[in-house]
């Protein structure tokens, strides 16, 4: 088969959650082959192993069917969003899509999970993500440093509140790039937050 690589496949961010059509699932199956193993990850991406030489062609083919394809492994995951149950406009569906386009697939020292909730119900569990975004009416709160794994889970801490929509993407991307530039080796994001301190990150977010 030759050299292979993993790709991460996501459904488009939409009201109702991570929804795949039968046609999309059939296309994924056809693209990766009958013998491939497809892993459902905890961050709403499907991992599939494909021939390295066909990766770009497979990516283009899947994207034509409305799927999103990103690098697997040490990268920012596609946005882990809520189901937008209170309506697309009220919960900021377009904003979530814009944020996802800006952050998904950025190479990072460790895999980075970013959650988005369109209201305070927080059904996407943003406070258990590395970076959590919560829409509060027409403003946004950003939390950092959540850790869901292990026996000592920890909630993300409030970094900045009352952020306007136009500032959301610049602030989140600034945090990601600051982490990339200053992490020590494969330092996990929550450990990085503890070492750097909220105060220093608030200066970056400012």
N, C-alpha and C. Protein backbone atom coordinates (compact mmCIF):
# COMPACT_ATOMS: atom_id res chain seq x y z
N UNK A 1 0.83 -1.21 0.00
CA UNK A 1 0.00 0.00 0.00
C UNK A 1 0.85 1.25 0.00
N UNK A 2 2.08 1.15 0.49
CA UNK A 2 2.93 2.32 0.54
C UNK A 2 2.69 3.13 1.80
N UNK A 3 3.27 4.31 1.83
CA UNK A 3 3.17 5.16 3.02
C UNK A 3 1.75 5.69 3.19
N UNK A 4 1.30 5.72 4.44
CA UNK A 4 -0.05 6.20 4.74
C UNK A 4 0.01 7.36 5.72
N UNK A 5 -1.11 8.06 5.83
CA UNK A 5 -1.23 9.16 6.78
C UNK A 5 -2.67 9.22 7.27
N UNK A 6 -2.86 9.77 8.45
CA UNK A 6 -4.21 9.91 8.98
C UNK A 6 -4.78 11.28 8.63
N UNK A 7 -6.07 11.30 8.31
CA UNK A 7 -6.78 12.56 8.12
C UNK A 7 -7.94 12.60 9.11
N UNK A 8 -8.37 13.80 9.46
CA UNK A 8 -9.51 13.99 10.35
C UNK A 8 -10.67 14.55 9.54
N UNK A 9 -11.80 13.88 9.61
CA UNK A 9 -12.97 14.26 8.81
C UNK A 9 -14.08 14.72 9.75
N UNK A 10 -14.66 15.88 9.42
CA UNK A 10 -15.73 16.43 10.25
C UNK A 10 -16.94 16.77 9.38
N UNK A 11 -18.11 16.69 10.00
CA UNK A 11 -19.30 17.25 9.37
C UNK A 11 -19.25 18.77 9.51
N UNK A 12 -19.92 19.47 8.63
CA UNK A 12 -19.98 20.93 8.74
C UNK A 12 -20.68 21.32 10.03
N UNK A 13 -20.29 22.46 10.61
CA UNK A 13 -20.97 22.97 11.80
C UNK A 13 -22.37 23.42 11.40
N UNK A 14 -23.38 22.91 12.09
CA UNK A 14 -24.75 23.16 11.69
C UNK A 14 -25.69 23.00 12.88
N UNK A 15 -26.89 23.57 12.75
CA UNK A 15 -27.92 23.36 13.77
C UNK A 15 -28.27 21.89 13.81
N UNK A 16 -28.35 21.34 15.02
CA UNK A 16 -28.66 19.93 15.18
C UNK A 16 -27.46 19.09 15.54
N UNK A 17 -26.23 19.65 15.43
CA UNK A 17 -25.05 18.92 15.84
C UNK A 17 -24.23 18.39 14.69
N UNK A 18 -23.44 17.35 14.95
CA UNK A 18 -22.56 16.73 13.95
C UNK A 18 -23.36 15.74 13.12
N UNK A 19 -23.92 16.21 12.04
CA UNK A 19 -24.81 15.40 11.22
C UNK A 19 -24.14 15.04 9.90
N UNK A 20 -24.08 13.75 9.61
CA UNK A 20 -23.59 13.25 8.33
C UNK A 20 -24.77 12.74 7.52
N UNK A 21 -24.76 12.97 6.22
CA UNK A 21 -25.79 12.39 5.36
C UNK A 21 -25.35 10.99 4.95
N UNK A 22 -26.29 10.12 4.56
CA UNK A 22 -25.90 8.80 4.05
C UNK A 22 -24.94 8.90 2.86
N UNK A 23 -25.16 9.89 2.01
CA UNK A 23 -24.27 10.08 0.86
C UNK A 23 -22.85 10.40 1.31
N UNK A 24 -22.71 11.24 2.36
CA UNK A 24 -21.38 11.58 2.87
C UNK A 24 -20.69 10.35 3.46
N UNK A 25 -21.43 9.55 4.22
CA UNK A 25 -20.84 8.35 4.81
C UNK A 25 -20.41 7.36 3.73
N UNK A 26 -21.22 7.25 2.70
CA UNK A 26 -20.85 6.36 1.59
C UNK A 26 -19.60 6.88 0.89
N UNK A 27 -19.50 8.20 0.76
CA UNK A 27 -18.34 8.79 0.09
C UNK A 27 -17.08 8.57 0.91
N UNK A 28 -17.18 8.70 2.23
CA UNK A 28 -16.03 8.43 3.09
C UNK A 28 -15.58 6.99 2.92
N UNK A 29 -16.53 6.07 2.94
CA UNK A 29 -16.21 4.65 2.79
C UNK A 29 -15.52 4.38 1.46
N UNK A 30 -16.03 4.98 0.40
CA UNK A 30 -15.44 4.77 -0.93
C UNK A 30 -14.05 5.37 -1.01
N UNK A 31 -13.84 6.51 -0.35
CA UNK A 31 -12.56 7.21 -0.44
C UNK A 31 -11.45 6.48 0.31
N UNK A 32 -11.77 5.91 1.47
CA UNK A 32 -10.72 5.29 2.29
C UNK A 32 -10.55 3.81 2.00
N UNK A 33 -11.55 3.19 1.37
CA UNK A 33 -11.43 1.78 1.00
C UNK A 33 -12.12 0.85 1.98
N UNK A 34 -12.49 -0.32 1.47
CA UNK A 34 -13.29 -1.28 2.25
C UNK A 34 -12.54 -1.85 3.46
N UNK A 35 -11.22 -1.89 3.40
CA UNK A 35 -10.44 -2.50 4.48
C UNK A 35 -9.97 -1.49 5.54
N UNK A 36 -10.30 -0.22 5.34
CA UNK A 36 -9.82 0.83 6.26
C UNK A 36 -10.59 0.78 7.58
N UNK A 37 -9.93 1.22 8.63
CA UNK A 37 -10.58 1.39 9.92
C UNK A 37 -10.82 2.87 10.15
N UNK A 38 -12.03 3.21 10.53
CA UNK A 38 -12.41 4.61 10.76
C UNK A 38 -12.72 4.77 12.24
N UNK A 39 -12.02 5.67 12.89
CA UNK A 39 -12.15 5.87 14.33
C UNK A 39 -13.01 7.11 14.62
N UNK A 40 -14.03 6.95 15.48
CA UNK A 40 -14.79 8.10 15.96
C UNK A 40 -14.08 8.64 17.21
N UNK A 41 -13.59 9.85 17.14
CA UNK A 41 -12.86 10.44 18.25
C UNK A 41 -13.80 11.15 19.22
N UNK A 42 -13.29 11.52 20.36
CA UNK A 42 -14.08 12.22 21.37
C UNK A 42 -14.31 13.68 21.01
N UNK A 43 -13.64 14.17 19.96
CA UNK A 43 -13.82 15.57 19.57
C UNK A 43 -14.55 15.69 18.24
N UNK A 44 -15.45 14.73 17.98
CA UNK A 44 -16.38 14.79 16.85
C UNK A 44 -15.69 14.80 15.49
N UNK A 45 -14.54 14.14 15.40
CA UNK A 45 -13.88 13.95 14.12
C UNK A 45 -13.75 12.46 13.86
N UNK A 46 -13.82 12.08 12.59
CA UNK A 46 -13.53 10.72 12.19
C UNK A 46 -12.08 10.67 11.72
N UNK A 47 -11.30 9.75 12.28
CA UNK A 47 -9.92 9.55 11.84
C UNK A 47 -9.89 8.39 10.83
N UNK A 48 -9.25 8.62 9.71
CA UNK A 48 -9.11 7.57 8.70
C UNK A 48 -7.70 7.59 8.16
N UNK A 49 -7.16 6.40 7.92
CA UNK A 49 -5.83 6.28 7.35
C UNK A 49 -5.94 6.13 5.83
N UNK A 50 -5.19 6.98 5.11
CA UNK A 50 -5.27 6.99 3.65
C UNK A 50 -3.86 6.96 3.07
N UNK A 51 -3.71 6.54 1.82
CA UNK A 51 -2.39 6.60 1.18
C UNK A 51 -1.89 8.04 1.11
N UNK A 52 -0.65 8.26 1.51
CA UNK A 52 -0.09 9.61 1.53
C UNK A 52 -0.18 10.27 0.16
N UNK A 53 0.10 9.50 -0.89
CA UNK A 53 0.12 10.08 -2.23
C UNK A 53 -1.28 10.49 -2.72
N UNK A 54 -2.33 9.96 -2.06
CA UNK A 54 -3.71 10.30 -2.47
C UNK A 54 -4.40 11.24 -1.49
N UNK A 55 -3.67 11.67 -0.44
CA UNK A 55 -4.29 12.48 0.61
C UNK A 55 -4.99 13.73 0.05
N UNK A 56 -4.29 14.50 -0.75
CA UNK A 56 -4.85 15.76 -1.26
C UNK A 56 -6.05 15.52 -2.16
N UNK A 57 -5.98 14.49 -2.99
CA UNK A 57 -7.10 14.18 -3.88
C UNK A 57 -8.32 13.73 -3.07
N UNK A 58 -8.08 12.92 -2.03
CA UNK A 58 -9.18 12.47 -1.18
C UNK A 58 -9.79 13.66 -0.44
N UNK A 59 -8.95 14.56 0.05
CA UNK A 59 -9.43 15.75 0.75
C UNK A 59 -10.34 16.57 -0.16
N UNK A 60 -9.91 16.82 -1.38
CA UNK A 60 -10.71 17.61 -2.33
C UNK A 60 -12.03 16.90 -2.64
N UNK A 61 -11.97 15.60 -2.79
CA UNK A 61 -13.16 14.83 -3.11
C UNK A 61 -14.18 14.89 -1.98
N UNK A 62 -13.73 14.71 -0.74
CA UNK A 62 -14.64 14.75 0.40
C UNK A 62 -15.22 16.14 0.62
N UNK A 63 -14.41 17.16 0.39
CA UNK A 63 -14.88 18.53 0.57
C UNK A 63 -15.97 18.90 -0.44
N UNK A 64 -15.94 18.27 -1.61
CA UNK A 64 -16.99 18.52 -2.60
C UNK A 64 -18.36 18.03 -2.11
N UNK A 65 -18.34 17.14 -1.14
CA UNK A 65 -19.58 16.61 -0.57
C UNK A 65 -19.95 17.30 0.75
N UNK A 66 -19.34 18.44 1.01
CA UNK A 66 -19.69 19.21 2.20
C UNK A 66 -19.00 18.79 3.47
N UNK A 67 -18.02 17.90 3.37
CA UNK A 67 -17.26 17.47 4.54
C UNK A 67 -16.05 18.37 4.73
N UNK A 68 -15.51 18.37 5.94
CA UNK A 68 -14.31 19.15 6.25
C UNK A 68 -13.19 18.18 6.61
N UNK A 69 -12.01 18.42 6.06
CA UNK A 69 -10.88 17.51 6.26
C UNK A 69 -9.69 18.30 6.80
N UNK A 70 -9.12 17.80 7.90
CA UNK A 70 -8.02 18.49 8.58
C UNK A 70 -6.91 17.50 8.91
N UNK A 71 -5.75 18.02 9.32
CA UNK A 71 -4.69 17.12 9.78
C UNK A 71 -5.12 16.41 11.07
N UNK A 72 -4.68 15.18 11.24
CA UNK A 72 -4.89 14.46 12.49
C UNK A 72 -3.69 14.70 13.40
N UNK A 73 -3.87 14.39 14.69
CA UNK A 73 -2.73 14.47 15.59
C UNK A 73 -2.52 15.84 16.20
N UNK A 74 -1.27 16.31 16.16
CA UNK A 74 -0.88 17.52 16.89
C UNK A 74 -1.31 18.77 16.12
N UNK A 75 -2.59 19.08 16.26
CA UNK A 75 -3.16 20.24 15.58
C UNK A 75 -4.40 20.68 16.34
N UNK A 76 -4.84 21.89 16.05
CA UNK A 76 -6.09 22.37 16.61
C UNK A 76 -7.23 21.60 15.97
N UNK A 77 -8.08 21.01 16.77
CA UNK A 77 -9.21 20.24 16.25
C UNK A 77 -10.28 21.18 15.70
N UNK A 78 -11.14 20.63 14.85
CA UNK A 78 -12.27 21.44 14.39
C UNK A 78 -13.12 21.81 15.61
N UNK A 79 -13.79 22.93 15.52
CA UNK A 79 -14.53 23.47 16.65
C UNK A 79 -15.57 22.46 17.15
N UNK A 80 -15.56 22.21 18.47
CA UNK A 80 -16.51 21.30 19.09
C UNK A 80 -17.69 22.14 19.56
N UNK A 81 -18.71 22.19 18.72
CA UNK A 81 -19.79 23.14 18.93
C UNK A 81 -21.02 22.47 19.53
N UNK A 82 -21.91 23.30 20.07
CA UNK A 82 -23.19 22.83 20.59
C UNK A 82 -24.13 22.53 19.42
N UNK A 83 -25.37 22.20 19.73
CA UNK A 83 -26.35 21.87 18.69
C UNK A 83 -27.17 23.08 18.25
N UNK A 84 -26.89 24.26 18.81
CA UNK A 84 -27.57 25.50 18.43
C UNK A 84 -29.09 25.36 18.60
N UNK A 85 -29.47 24.79 19.75
CA UNK A 85 -30.87 24.43 19.97
C UNK A 85 -31.78 25.64 20.15
N UNK A 86 -31.23 26.82 20.46
CA UNK A 86 -32.06 28.01 20.63
C UNK A 86 -32.17 28.84 19.35
N UNK A 87 -31.73 28.24 18.24
CA UNK A 87 -31.82 28.95 16.97
C UNK A 87 -30.47 29.44 16.49
N UNK A 88 -30.27 29.33 15.18
CA UNK A 88 -28.96 29.65 14.60
C UNK A 88 -28.54 31.09 14.86
N UNK A 89 -29.47 32.02 14.74
CA UNK A 89 -29.10 33.43 14.89
C UNK A 89 -28.79 33.77 16.35
N UNK A 90 -29.65 33.32 17.26
CA UNK A 90 -29.46 33.64 18.67
C UNK A 90 -28.18 33.03 19.24
N UNK A 91 -27.84 31.85 18.78
CA UNK A 91 -26.69 31.15 19.35
C UNK A 91 -25.40 31.35 18.56
N UNK A 92 -25.47 32.08 17.46
CA UNK A 92 -24.24 32.46 16.75
C UNK A 92 -23.66 31.39 15.85
N UNK A 93 -24.52 30.72 15.07
CA UNK A 93 -24.04 29.67 14.18
C UNK A 93 -23.01 30.20 13.18
N UNK A 94 -23.29 31.34 12.56
CA UNK A 94 -22.34 31.90 11.59
C UNK A 94 -21.02 32.26 12.25
N UNK A 95 -21.10 32.76 13.47
CA UNK A 95 -19.88 33.10 14.22
C UNK A 95 -19.05 31.85 14.49
N UNK A 96 -19.72 30.77 14.87
CA UNK A 96 -19.02 29.50 15.12
C UNK A 96 -18.35 28.99 13.86
N UNK A 97 -19.02 29.10 12.73
CA UNK A 97 -18.43 28.66 11.46
C UNK A 97 -17.20 29.49 11.11
N UNK A 98 -17.30 30.79 11.34
CA UNK A 98 -16.16 31.68 11.06
C UNK A 98 -14.98 31.34 11.96
N UNK A 99 -15.26 31.08 13.24
CA UNK A 99 -14.21 30.72 14.18
C UNK A 99 -13.57 29.39 13.79
N UNK A 100 -14.38 28.42 13.42
CA UNK A 100 -13.86 27.12 13.01
C UNK A 100 -12.92 27.25 11.81
N UNK A 101 -13.33 28.04 10.83
CA UNK A 101 -12.51 28.24 9.64
C UNK A 101 -11.15 28.84 9.99
N UNK A 102 -11.13 29.69 11.01
CA UNK A 102 -9.89 30.38 11.40
C UNK A 102 -8.95 29.49 12.21
N UNK A 103 -9.49 28.55 12.97
CA UNK A 103 -8.64 27.83 13.94
C UNK A 103 -8.38 26.37 13.62
N UNK A 104 -9.24 25.71 12.87
CA UNK A 104 -9.11 24.27 12.68
C UNK A 104 -7.88 23.92 11.85
N UNK A 105 -7.11 22.96 12.33
CA UNK A 105 -5.98 22.45 11.57
C UNK A 105 -4.66 23.17 11.79
N UNK A 106 -4.59 24.10 12.73
CA UNK A 106 -3.33 24.78 13.02
C UNK A 106 -2.40 23.82 13.76
N UNK A 107 -1.18 23.68 13.30
CA UNK A 107 -0.22 22.79 13.96
C UNK A 107 0.10 23.32 15.35
N UNK A 108 0.03 22.46 16.36
CA UNK A 108 0.24 22.86 17.76
C UNK A 108 1.13 21.83 18.48
N UNK A 109 1.75 22.22 19.61
CA UNK A 109 2.63 21.30 20.35
C UNK A 109 1.93 20.02 20.81
N UNK A 110 0.66 20.13 21.18
CA UNK A 110 -0.18 18.97 21.50
C UNK A 110 -1.55 19.22 20.88
N UNK A 111 -2.35 18.18 20.70
CA UNK A 111 -3.69 18.40 20.15
C UNK A 111 -4.47 19.40 21.00
N UNK A 112 -5.14 20.33 20.33
CA UNK A 112 -5.82 21.42 21.03
C UNK A 112 -7.31 21.37 20.73
N UNK A 113 -8.13 21.30 21.78
CA UNK A 113 -9.58 21.20 21.63
C UNK A 113 -10.23 22.53 22.02
N UNK A 114 -11.06 23.04 21.13
CA UNK A 114 -11.73 24.32 21.36
C UNK A 114 -13.23 24.10 21.29
N UNK A 115 -13.93 24.49 22.35
CA UNK A 115 -15.37 24.29 22.42
C UNK A 115 -16.12 25.59 22.23
N UNK A 116 -17.32 25.47 21.70
CA UNK A 116 -18.18 26.64 21.49
C UNK A 116 -19.59 26.31 21.97
N UNK A 117 -20.13 27.18 22.81
CA UNK A 117 -21.52 27.04 23.27
C UNK A 117 -22.27 28.33 22.95
N UNK A 118 -23.45 28.18 22.36
CA UNK A 118 -24.21 29.36 21.96
C UNK A 118 -25.01 30.00 23.07
N UNK A 119 -24.97 29.40 24.27
CA UNK A 119 -25.66 29.99 25.42
C UNK A 119 -25.05 29.42 26.70
N UNK A 120 -25.56 29.87 27.83
CA UNK A 120 -24.98 29.47 29.12
C UNK A 120 -25.28 28.02 29.49
N UNK A 121 -26.14 27.32 28.74
CA UNK A 121 -26.38 25.91 29.01
C UNK A 121 -25.10 25.09 28.79
N UNK A 122 -24.29 25.53 27.85
CA UNK A 122 -22.97 24.92 27.63
C UNK A 122 -23.03 23.44 27.30
N UNK A 123 -23.93 23.02 26.41
CA UNK A 123 -24.09 21.60 26.12
C UNK A 123 -22.87 20.99 25.43
N UNK A 124 -22.01 21.80 24.85
CA UNK A 124 -20.77 21.28 24.24
C UNK A 124 -19.63 21.17 25.26
N UNK A 125 -19.94 21.43 26.52
CA UNK A 125 -18.98 21.34 27.63
C UNK A 125 -17.72 22.17 27.37
N UNK A 126 -17.88 23.45 27.09
CA UNK A 126 -16.73 24.30 26.77
C UNK A 126 -15.74 24.45 27.93
N UNK A 127 -16.19 24.29 29.16
CA UNK A 127 -15.29 24.45 30.30
C UNK A 127 -14.41 23.22 30.53
N UNK A 128 -14.61 22.18 29.72
CA UNK A 128 -13.73 21.00 29.78
C UNK A 128 -12.81 20.95 28.57
N UNK A 129 -12.73 22.03 27.82
CA UNK A 129 -11.87 22.11 26.64
C UNK A 129 -10.64 22.96 26.95
N UNK A 130 -9.63 22.86 26.10
CA UNK A 130 -8.44 23.71 26.26
C UNK A 130 -8.82 25.18 26.20
N UNK A 131 -9.65 25.51 25.21
CA UNK A 131 -10.20 26.87 25.10
C UNK A 131 -11.70 26.73 24.92
N UNK A 132 -12.47 27.45 25.72
CA UNK A 132 -13.92 27.40 25.63
C UNK A 132 -14.49 28.77 25.32
N UNK A 133 -15.42 28.82 24.39
CA UNK A 133 -16.10 30.06 24.02
C UNK A 133 -17.58 29.91 24.35
N UNK A 134 -18.12 30.87 25.09
CA UNK A 134 -19.53 30.83 25.46
C UNK A 134 -20.17 32.15 25.04
N UNK A 135 -21.22 32.06 24.21
CA UNK A 135 -21.94 33.26 23.79
C UNK A 135 -22.94 33.64 24.87
N UNK A 136 -22.86 34.89 25.30
CA UNK A 136 -23.77 35.41 26.32
C UNK A 136 -24.48 36.62 25.71
N UNK A 137 -25.69 36.37 25.20
CA UNK A 137 -26.44 37.36 24.44
C UNK A 137 -25.64 37.78 23.21
N UNK A 138 -25.18 39.02 23.14
CA UNK A 138 -24.44 39.44 21.95
C UNK A 138 -22.94 39.57 22.22
N UNK A 139 -22.48 39.00 23.33
CA UNK A 139 -21.05 39.05 23.67
C UNK A 139 -20.54 37.63 23.92
N UNK A 140 -19.21 37.52 24.12
CA UNK A 140 -18.60 36.21 24.26
C UNK A 140 -17.63 36.19 25.44
N UNK A 141 -17.67 35.08 26.18
CA UNK A 141 -16.71 34.83 27.25
C UNK A 141 -15.74 33.74 26.78
N UNK A 142 -14.46 33.89 27.13
CA UNK A 142 -13.46 32.90 26.75
C UNK A 142 -12.84 32.30 28.01
N UNK A 143 -12.81 30.98 28.05
CA UNK A 143 -12.23 30.23 29.16
C UNK A 143 -11.02 29.45 28.64
N UNK A 144 -10.04 29.22 29.51
CA UNK A 144 -8.84 28.48 29.10
C UNK A 144 -8.43 27.46 30.16
N UNK A 145 -7.84 26.34 29.67
CA UNK A 145 -7.19 25.40 30.58
C UNK A 145 -8.03 24.29 31.13
N UNK A 146 -9.15 23.95 30.48
CA UNK A 146 -9.94 22.82 30.94
C UNK A 146 -9.23 21.49 30.69
N UNK A 147 -9.48 20.52 31.56
CA UNK A 147 -8.84 19.20 31.42
C UNK A 147 -9.85 18.12 31.80
N UNK A 148 -10.36 17.36 30.82
CA UNK A 148 -11.39 16.37 31.12
C UNK A 148 -10.84 14.99 31.49
N UNK A 149 -9.57 14.73 31.27
CA UNK A 149 -9.02 13.39 31.45
C UNK A 149 -8.49 13.16 32.86
N UNK A 150 -8.43 11.90 33.22
CA UNK A 150 -7.84 11.54 34.50
C UNK A 150 -8.83 11.64 35.66
N UNK A 151 -8.34 11.31 36.85
CA UNK A 151 -9.18 11.36 38.04
C UNK A 151 -9.29 12.76 38.62
N UNK A 152 -8.39 13.65 38.17
CA UNK A 152 -8.41 15.03 38.66
C UNK A 152 -8.73 15.97 37.50
N UNK A 153 -9.98 15.92 37.08
CA UNK A 153 -10.41 16.82 36.01
C UNK A 153 -10.44 18.25 36.55
N UNK A 154 -10.34 19.22 35.64
CA UNK A 154 -10.38 20.62 36.07
C UNK A 154 -11.13 21.44 35.05
N UNK A 155 -11.88 22.41 35.55
CA UNK A 155 -12.64 23.31 34.68
C UNK A 155 -11.74 24.43 34.18
N UNK A 156 -12.02 24.87 32.97
CA UNK A 156 -11.31 26.01 32.42
C UNK A 156 -11.62 27.27 33.24
N UNK A 157 -10.66 28.18 33.24
CA UNK A 157 -10.81 29.43 33.99
C UNK A 157 -11.20 30.56 33.05
N UNK A 158 -12.01 31.47 33.56
CA UNK A 158 -12.44 32.62 32.76
C UNK A 158 -11.25 33.51 32.44
N UNK A 159 -11.00 33.70 31.16
CA UNK A 159 -9.89 34.55 30.72
C UNK A 159 -10.37 35.96 30.43
N UNK A 160 -11.44 36.08 29.67
CA UNK A 160 -11.96 37.39 29.31
C UNK A 160 -13.46 37.27 29.10
N UNK A 161 -14.21 38.29 29.50
CA UNK A 161 -15.67 38.26 29.33
C UNK A 161 -16.12 39.51 28.57
N UNK A 162 -17.30 39.41 27.98
CA UNK A 162 -17.89 40.55 27.29
C UNK A 162 -17.21 40.91 25.99
N UNK A 163 -16.61 39.94 25.32
CA UNK A 163 -15.88 40.20 24.08
C UNK A 163 -16.88 40.42 22.95
N UNK A 164 -16.63 41.40 22.11
CA UNK A 164 -17.49 41.64 20.96
C UNK A 164 -17.17 40.62 19.86
N UNK A 165 -18.12 40.41 18.97
CA UNK A 165 -17.97 39.39 17.93
C UNK A 165 -16.74 39.63 17.06
N UNK A 166 -16.47 40.88 16.74
CA UNK A 166 -15.34 41.18 15.85
C UNK A 166 -13.98 40.89 16.50
N UNK A 167 -13.96 40.75 17.81
CA UNK A 167 -12.71 40.48 18.52
C UNK A 167 -12.50 38.99 18.79
N UNK A 168 -13.52 38.18 18.57
CA UNK A 168 -13.45 36.78 18.96
C UNK A 168 -12.35 36.02 18.22
N UNK A 169 -12.36 36.05 16.91
CA UNK A 169 -11.34 35.32 16.13
C UNK A 169 -9.94 35.82 16.42
N UNK A 170 -9.68 37.15 16.41
CA UNK A 170 -8.33 37.62 16.72
C UNK A 170 -7.82 37.19 18.09
N UNK A 171 -8.69 37.17 19.09
CA UNK A 171 -8.26 36.81 20.44
C UNK A 171 -7.95 35.30 20.52
N UNK A 172 -8.84 34.46 20.00
CA UNK A 172 -8.61 33.02 20.07
C UNK A 172 -7.37 32.62 19.27
N UNK A 173 -7.20 33.18 18.09
CA UNK A 173 -6.01 32.83 17.29
C UNK A 173 -4.74 33.36 17.95
N UNK A 174 -4.81 34.51 18.62
CA UNK A 174 -3.64 35.04 19.33
C UNK A 174 -3.22 34.09 20.46
N UNK A 175 -4.20 33.54 21.18
CA UNK A 175 -3.90 32.59 22.25
C UNK A 175 -3.23 31.33 21.68
N UNK A 176 -3.76 30.82 20.57
CA UNK A 176 -3.19 29.62 19.96
C UNK A 176 -1.75 29.86 19.53
N UNK A 177 -1.50 30.98 18.87
CA UNK A 177 -0.15 31.25 18.37
C UNK A 177 0.82 31.56 19.50
N UNK A 178 0.33 32.14 20.58
CA UNK A 178 1.19 32.38 21.75
C UNK A 178 1.59 31.04 22.37
N UNK A 179 0.64 30.13 22.44
CA UNK A 179 0.93 28.78 22.94
C UNK A 179 1.97 28.09 22.05
N UNK A 180 1.79 28.17 20.74
CA UNK A 180 2.75 27.57 19.80
C UNK A 180 4.16 28.12 20.01
N UNK A 181 4.24 29.42 20.25
CA UNK A 181 5.55 30.08 20.34
C UNK A 181 6.24 29.83 21.67
N UNK A 182 5.48 29.59 22.75
CA UNK A 182 6.08 29.59 24.08
C UNK A 182 5.91 28.28 24.87
N UNK A 183 5.25 27.28 24.29
CA UNK A 183 5.14 25.99 24.98
C UNK A 183 6.51 25.33 25.06
N UNK A 184 6.74 24.59 26.13
CA UNK A 184 7.99 23.86 26.30
C UNK A 184 7.81 22.43 25.77
N UNK A 185 8.35 22.18 24.60
CA UNK A 185 8.20 20.86 23.99
C UNK A 185 6.75 20.53 23.75
N UNK A 186 6.34 19.34 24.24
CA UNK A 186 4.95 18.90 24.08
C UNK A 186 4.13 19.21 25.33
N UNK A 187 4.28 20.38 25.83
CA UNK A 187 3.58 20.83 27.03
C UNK A 187 2.08 20.93 26.77
N UNK A 188 1.28 20.26 27.60
CA UNK A 188 -0.16 20.32 27.45
C UNK A 188 -0.66 21.73 27.73
N UNK A 189 -1.75 22.09 27.10
CA UNK A 189 -2.22 23.47 27.18
C UNK A 189 -2.59 23.87 28.60
N UNK A 190 -3.23 22.99 29.37
CA UNK A 190 -3.62 23.38 30.72
C UNK A 190 -2.39 23.60 31.61
N UNK A 191 -1.33 22.82 31.39
CA UNK A 191 -0.08 23.04 32.12
C UNK A 191 0.57 24.35 31.69
N UNK A 192 0.47 24.63 30.41
CA UNK A 192 1.00 25.89 29.87
C UNK A 192 0.28 27.09 30.51
N UNK A 193 -1.03 27.00 30.64
CA UNK A 193 -1.81 28.09 31.25
C UNK A 193 -1.37 28.30 32.69
N UNK A 194 -1.18 27.21 33.43
CA UNK A 194 -0.75 27.33 34.83
C UNK A 194 0.63 27.97 34.93
N UNK A 195 1.52 27.59 34.02
CA UNK A 195 2.89 28.12 34.07
C UNK A 195 2.94 29.59 33.63
N UNK A 196 2.24 29.92 32.58
CA UNK A 196 2.28 31.28 32.03
C UNK A 196 1.50 32.26 32.89
N UNK A 197 0.38 31.80 33.43
CA UNK A 197 -0.55 32.56 34.28
C UNK A 197 -1.65 33.22 33.45
N UNK A 198 -2.82 33.32 34.07
CA UNK A 198 -3.96 33.98 33.42
C UNK A 198 -3.63 35.43 33.10
N UNK A 199 -2.91 36.06 33.99
CA UNK A 199 -2.61 37.49 33.81
C UNK A 199 -1.84 37.74 32.52
N UNK A 200 -0.85 36.88 32.23
CA UNK A 200 -0.09 37.08 31.02
C UNK A 200 -0.93 36.77 29.78
N UNK A 201 -1.76 35.76 29.88
CA UNK A 201 -2.65 35.44 28.76
C UNK A 201 -3.68 36.54 28.53
N UNK A 202 -4.11 37.19 29.60
CA UNK A 202 -5.05 38.30 29.47
C UNK A 202 -4.42 39.46 28.71
N UNK A 203 -3.14 39.65 28.88
CA UNK A 203 -2.45 40.68 28.11
C UNK A 203 -2.44 40.32 26.62
N UNK A 204 -2.25 39.05 26.30
CA UNK A 204 -2.30 38.60 24.91
C UNK A 204 -3.71 38.80 24.35
N UNK A 205 -4.71 38.48 25.17
CA UNK A 205 -6.10 38.60 24.72
C UNK A 205 -6.54 40.04 24.60
N UNK A 206 -5.82 40.92 25.30
CA UNK A 206 -6.21 42.34 25.28
C UNK A 206 -5.88 43.01 23.99
